[in-house]
């Protein structure tokens, strides 16, 4: 008896459920043809008036080593898209919950400011990933270009997951917008949206031992009939 192929909805649900923000990678690089396949899949992302505003700089190998070293030595901070001034209510609770999940996993105790700062800096080391993709958009297209790029990020994450490639989307890298624009020789009219570090997950890394929760559907949805 031939097993039936899973329905597309089952495949999608499985990809969404199995994907996680990977914070520990092996040294094994992803072959370039596989990276191109991920990008080609992500390029099917819909966008406002089909403008496809995203541009992706993929950094690997020796270039990634230089970028990591230069980022860690750079003291500047500043993002092209404003970060939230703060979090309150349920959003603060969700942020706090996942933060403590991470700290508990990697052995950072409450009140250990040095330990929490060390974990934050791992963003600029790409969590040890062998590749990072820096996503940017034209300044002239405004906030809708950023929304389109957000859709592209999700497509990239799922396309990577479907190919066994782990990922983490990083808003933290957008705090280095001026630095990245200069380092990557981007045009001045391109705004840095975020980065995506990716590679093969290290299953033994403690930071990969937990999964962030999701709010119940009824907490985030209203049906009007």
Protein backbone atom coordinates (compact mmCIF):
# COMPACT_ATOMS: atom_id res chain seq x y z
CA UNK A 1 0.00 0.00 0.00
CA UNK A 2 1.39 3.38 -1.03
CA UNK A 3 1.30 6.05 1.67
CA UNK A 4 -0.51 9.20 0.63
CA UNK A 5 1.52 12.40 0.57
CA UNK A 6 0.63 14.80 3.39
CA UNK A 7 -1.79 17.58 2.52
CA UNK A 8 -0.20 21.00 1.86
CA UNK A 9 -1.78 22.37 5.04
CA UNK A 10 -0.12 19.59 7.06
CA UNK A 11 3.25 20.35 5.51
CA UNK A 12 2.89 24.05 6.28
CA UNK A 13 1.76 23.40 9.86
CA UNK A 14 4.71 21.07 10.40
CA UNK A 15 7.18 23.66 9.09
CA UNK A 16 5.70 26.37 11.30
CA UNK A 17 5.70 24.11 14.34
CA UNK A 18 9.25 22.80 13.87
CA UNK A 19 10.94 26.10 13.05
CA UNK A 20 12.58 27.90 15.97
CA UNK A 21 15.02 30.76 16.54
CA UNK A 22 18.33 28.92 16.45
CA UNK A 23 21.06 30.38 18.68
CA UNK A 24 23.74 27.73 18.22
CA UNK A 25 25.16 26.36 14.95
CA UNK A 26 27.69 23.86 13.67
CA UNK A 27 30.58 25.04 11.48
CA UNK A 28 29.20 23.21 8.43
CA UNK A 29 28.38 25.74 5.69
CA UNK A 30 25.23 25.59 3.60
CA UNK A 31 26.11 24.95 -0.08
CA UNK A 32 25.61 28.00 -2.27
CA UNK A 33 23.13 26.25 -4.54
CA UNK A 34 21.00 25.54 -1.46
CA UNK A 35 21.19 29.18 -0.38
CA UNK A 36 20.14 30.23 -3.86
CA UNK A 37 17.22 27.79 -3.72
CA UNK A 38 16.08 29.30 -0.40
CA UNK A 39 16.31 32.81 -1.84
CA UNK A 40 14.46 31.76 -5.00
CA UNK A 41 11.62 30.36 -2.90
CA UNK A 42 11.52 33.49 -0.74
CA UNK A 43 11.41 35.65 -3.87
CA UNK A 44 7.83 34.40 -4.42
CA UNK A 45 6.79 36.56 -1.47
CA UNK A 46 3.93 38.94 -2.28
CA UNK A 47 4.58 42.68 -1.98
CA UNK A 48 2.70 45.95 -2.24
CA UNK A 49 2.04 46.56 -5.98
CA UNK A 50 4.63 43.81 -6.61
CA UNK A 51 7.47 46.28 -6.03
CA UNK A 52 9.61 43.55 -4.37
CA UNK A 53 11.56 46.12 -2.31
CA UNK A 54 13.91 43.68 -0.57
CA UNK A 55 17.61 43.44 -1.25
CA UNK A 56 19.68 40.73 0.41
CA UNK A 57 23.40 40.76 1.19
CA UNK A 58 24.56 37.24 2.05
CA UNK A 59 27.86 37.11 3.94
CA UNK A 60 29.81 33.85 4.41
CA UNK A 61 33.30 32.44 4.89
CA UNK A 62 36.22 34.82 5.41
CA UNK A 63 33.98 37.82 4.79
CA UNK A 64 31.75 36.72 7.67
CA UNK A 65 34.76 36.39 9.97
CA UNK A 66 35.80 39.96 9.10
CA UNK A 67 32.26 41.26 9.55
CA UNK A 68 31.93 39.53 12.93
CA UNK A 69 35.23 40.98 14.15
CA UNK A 70 34.42 44.46 12.89
CA UNK A 71 30.93 44.39 14.39
CA UNK A 72 32.25 43.34 17.80
CA UNK A 73 34.79 46.18 17.69
CA UNK A 74 32.22 48.81 16.68
CA UNK A 75 30.61 50.75 19.52
CA UNK A 76 27.98 52.64 17.52
CA UNK A 77 24.26 51.98 17.80
CA UNK A 78 21.43 53.32 15.70
CA UNK A 79 18.65 51.80 13.64
CA UNK A 80 17.03 53.10 10.46
CA UNK A 81 13.58 52.00 11.61
CA UNK A 82 12.76 53.20 15.15
CA UNK A 83 12.73 50.52 17.82
CA UNK A 84 9.80 50.48 20.28
CA UNK A 85 10.40 53.00 23.10
CA UNK A 86 9.36 50.32 25.56
CA UNK A 87 7.14 47.31 26.22
CA UNK A 88 4.22 47.14 28.62
CA UNK A 89 1.28 44.92 29.49
CA UNK A 90 1.03 41.55 27.79
CA UNK A 91 3.80 42.42 25.35
CA UNK A 92 6.23 43.00 28.19
CA UNK A 93 5.13 39.71 29.75
CA UNK A 94 5.76 37.76 26.53
CA UNK A 95 9.13 39.41 26.03
CA UNK A 96 10.14 38.71 29.62
CA UNK A 97 9.01 35.08 29.41
CA UNK A 98 11.11 34.21 26.37
CA UNK A 99 14.06 36.13 27.78
CA UNK A 100 14.03 34.10 30.99
CA UNK A 101 13.62 30.89 28.98
CA UNK A 102 16.85 31.74 27.15
CA UNK A 103 18.73 32.78 30.28
CA UNK A 104 17.69 29.65 32.13
CA UNK A 105 18.78 27.49 29.20
CA UNK A 106 22.26 29.04 29.03
CA UNK A 107 22.74 29.37 32.80
CA UNK A 108 22.36 33.13 33.26
CA UNK A 109 20.90 33.82 36.71
CA UNK A 110 18.48 36.64 37.50
CA UNK A 111 20.41 39.79 38.21
CA UNK A 112 23.49 38.63 36.29
CA UNK A 113 23.91 41.71 34.11
CA UNK A 114 27.27 40.58 32.78
CA UNK A 115 25.78 37.27 31.67
CA UNK A 116 22.77 38.88 30.01
CA UNK A 117 25.02 41.40 28.23
CA UNK A 118 27.18 38.53 27.00
CA UNK A 119 24.12 36.81 25.53
CA UNK A 120 23.01 40.03 23.85
CA UNK A 121 26.43 40.43 22.21
CA UNK A 122 26.08 36.97 20.64
CA UNK A 123 23.69 38.66 18.20
CA UNK A 124 26.71 40.42 16.70
CA UNK A 125 28.55 37.10 16.47
CA UNK A 126 25.58 35.70 14.50
CA UNK A 127 25.27 33.03 17.22
CA UNK A 128 28.11 31.16 15.52
CA UNK A 129 26.19 30.71 12.24
CA UNK A 130 28.25 30.26 9.07
CA UNK A 131 26.06 32.69 7.11
CA UNK A 132 24.12 35.90 7.64
CA UNK A 133 21.70 37.62 5.28
CA UNK A 134 21.26 41.37 5.75
CA UNK A 135 17.93 42.63 4.45
CA UNK A 136 17.45 46.21 3.29
CA UNK A 137 14.78 48.27 1.54
CA UNK A 138 14.60 51.61 -0.32
CA UNK A 139 14.00 54.58 1.99
CA UNK A 140 11.61 56.13 -0.56
CA UNK A 141 9.09 53.27 -0.20
CA UNK A 142 8.56 53.91 3.49
CA UNK A 143 7.01 51.60 6.05
CA UNK A 144 5.23 49.41 3.50
CA UNK A 145 8.59 48.30 2.14
CA UNK A 146 9.49 47.19 5.68
CA UNK A 147 6.20 45.26 5.89
CA UNK A 148 6.98 43.57 2.57
CA UNK A 149 10.44 42.68 3.89
CA UNK A 150 8.81 41.16 6.96
CA UNK A 151 6.85 38.86 4.66
CA UNK A 152 10.10 38.01 2.84
CA UNK A 153 11.75 37.12 6.15
CA UNK A 154 8.99 34.63 6.97
CA UNK A 155 9.23 33.10 3.50
CA UNK A 156 13.01 32.78 3.91
CA UNK A 157 12.65 31.13 7.33
CA UNK A 158 10.15 28.56 6.06
CA UNK A 159 12.05 27.89 2.83
CA UNK A 160 15.18 27.27 4.91
CA UNK A 161 13.32 25.04 7.37
CA UNK A 162 11.94 22.98 4.50
CA UNK A 163 15.54 22.29 3.45
CA UNK A 164 16.81 21.44 6.93
CA UNK A 165 18.51 24.80 7.44
CA UNK A 166 18.11 26.53 10.81
CA UNK A 167 17.59 30.29 11.11
CA UNK A 168 17.14 33.22 13.44
CA UNK A 169 15.74 36.58 12.36
CA UNK A 170 17.63 39.36 14.16
CA UNK A 171 16.28 42.86 14.69
CA UNK A 172 19.37 43.45 16.85
CA UNK A 173 21.52 43.74 13.72
CA UNK A 174 19.41 46.70 12.57
CA UNK A 175 20.92 48.61 15.50
CA UNK A 176 24.10 48.67 13.42
CA UNK A 177 22.45 50.22 10.36
CA UNK A 178 25.08 52.87 9.57
CA UNK A 179 27.92 50.43 10.15
CA UNK A 180 26.36 47.74 7.94
CA UNK A 181 25.52 50.20 5.18
CA UNK A 182 29.17 51.30 5.02
CA UNK A 183 30.65 47.81 5.46
CA UNK A 184 28.43 46.29 2.74
CA UNK A 185 28.81 49.37 0.51
CA UNK A 186 25.06 49.83 0.27
CA UNK A 187 23.60 52.93 -1.40
CA UNK A 188 22.78 55.61 1.18
CA UNK A 189 19.09 55.46 0.29
CA UNK A 190 18.72 51.84 1.47
CA UNK A 191 17.54 51.18 5.01
CA UNK A 192 18.61 48.13 6.99
CA UNK A 193 15.56 46.13 8.09
CA UNK A 194 17.09 43.14 9.91
CA UNK A 195 19.45 40.21 9.56
CA UNK A 196 18.91 36.47 9.31
CA UNK A 197 21.67 34.21 10.60
CA UNK A 198 21.45 30.69 9.25
CA UNK A 199 23.19 27.33 9.00
CA UNK A 200 22.88 23.87 10.53
CA UNK A 201 21.61 23.75 14.11
CA UNK A 202 23.85 22.42 16.86
CA UNK A 203 21.41 20.13 18.73
CA UNK A 204 23.66 20.11 21.80
CA UNK A 205 23.85 23.88 22.23
CA UNK A 206 21.94 24.84 25.40
CA UNK A 207 20.36 27.89 23.74
CA UNK A 208 18.52 25.51 21.40
CA UNK A 209 16.91 23.53 24.22
CA UNK A 210 13.74 25.59 24.63
CA UNK A 211 10.88 26.73 22.42
CA UNK A 212 9.05 30.04 22.73
CA UNK A 213 5.33 29.79 23.40
CA UNK A 214 2.50 31.34 21.43
CA UNK A 215 -0.54 33.23 22.66
CA UNK A 216 -3.87 31.37 22.48
CA UNK A 217 -5.82 32.18 19.33
CA UNK A 218 -8.66 33.80 21.28
CA UNK A 219 -6.19 36.20 22.91
CA UNK A 220 -5.15 37.71 19.59
CA UNK A 221 -8.23 37.31 17.40
CA UNK A 222 -11.75 38.72 17.24
CA UNK A 223 -14.39 37.32 14.91
CA UNK A 224 -17.10 39.76 13.76
CA UNK A 225 -20.21 38.06 12.45
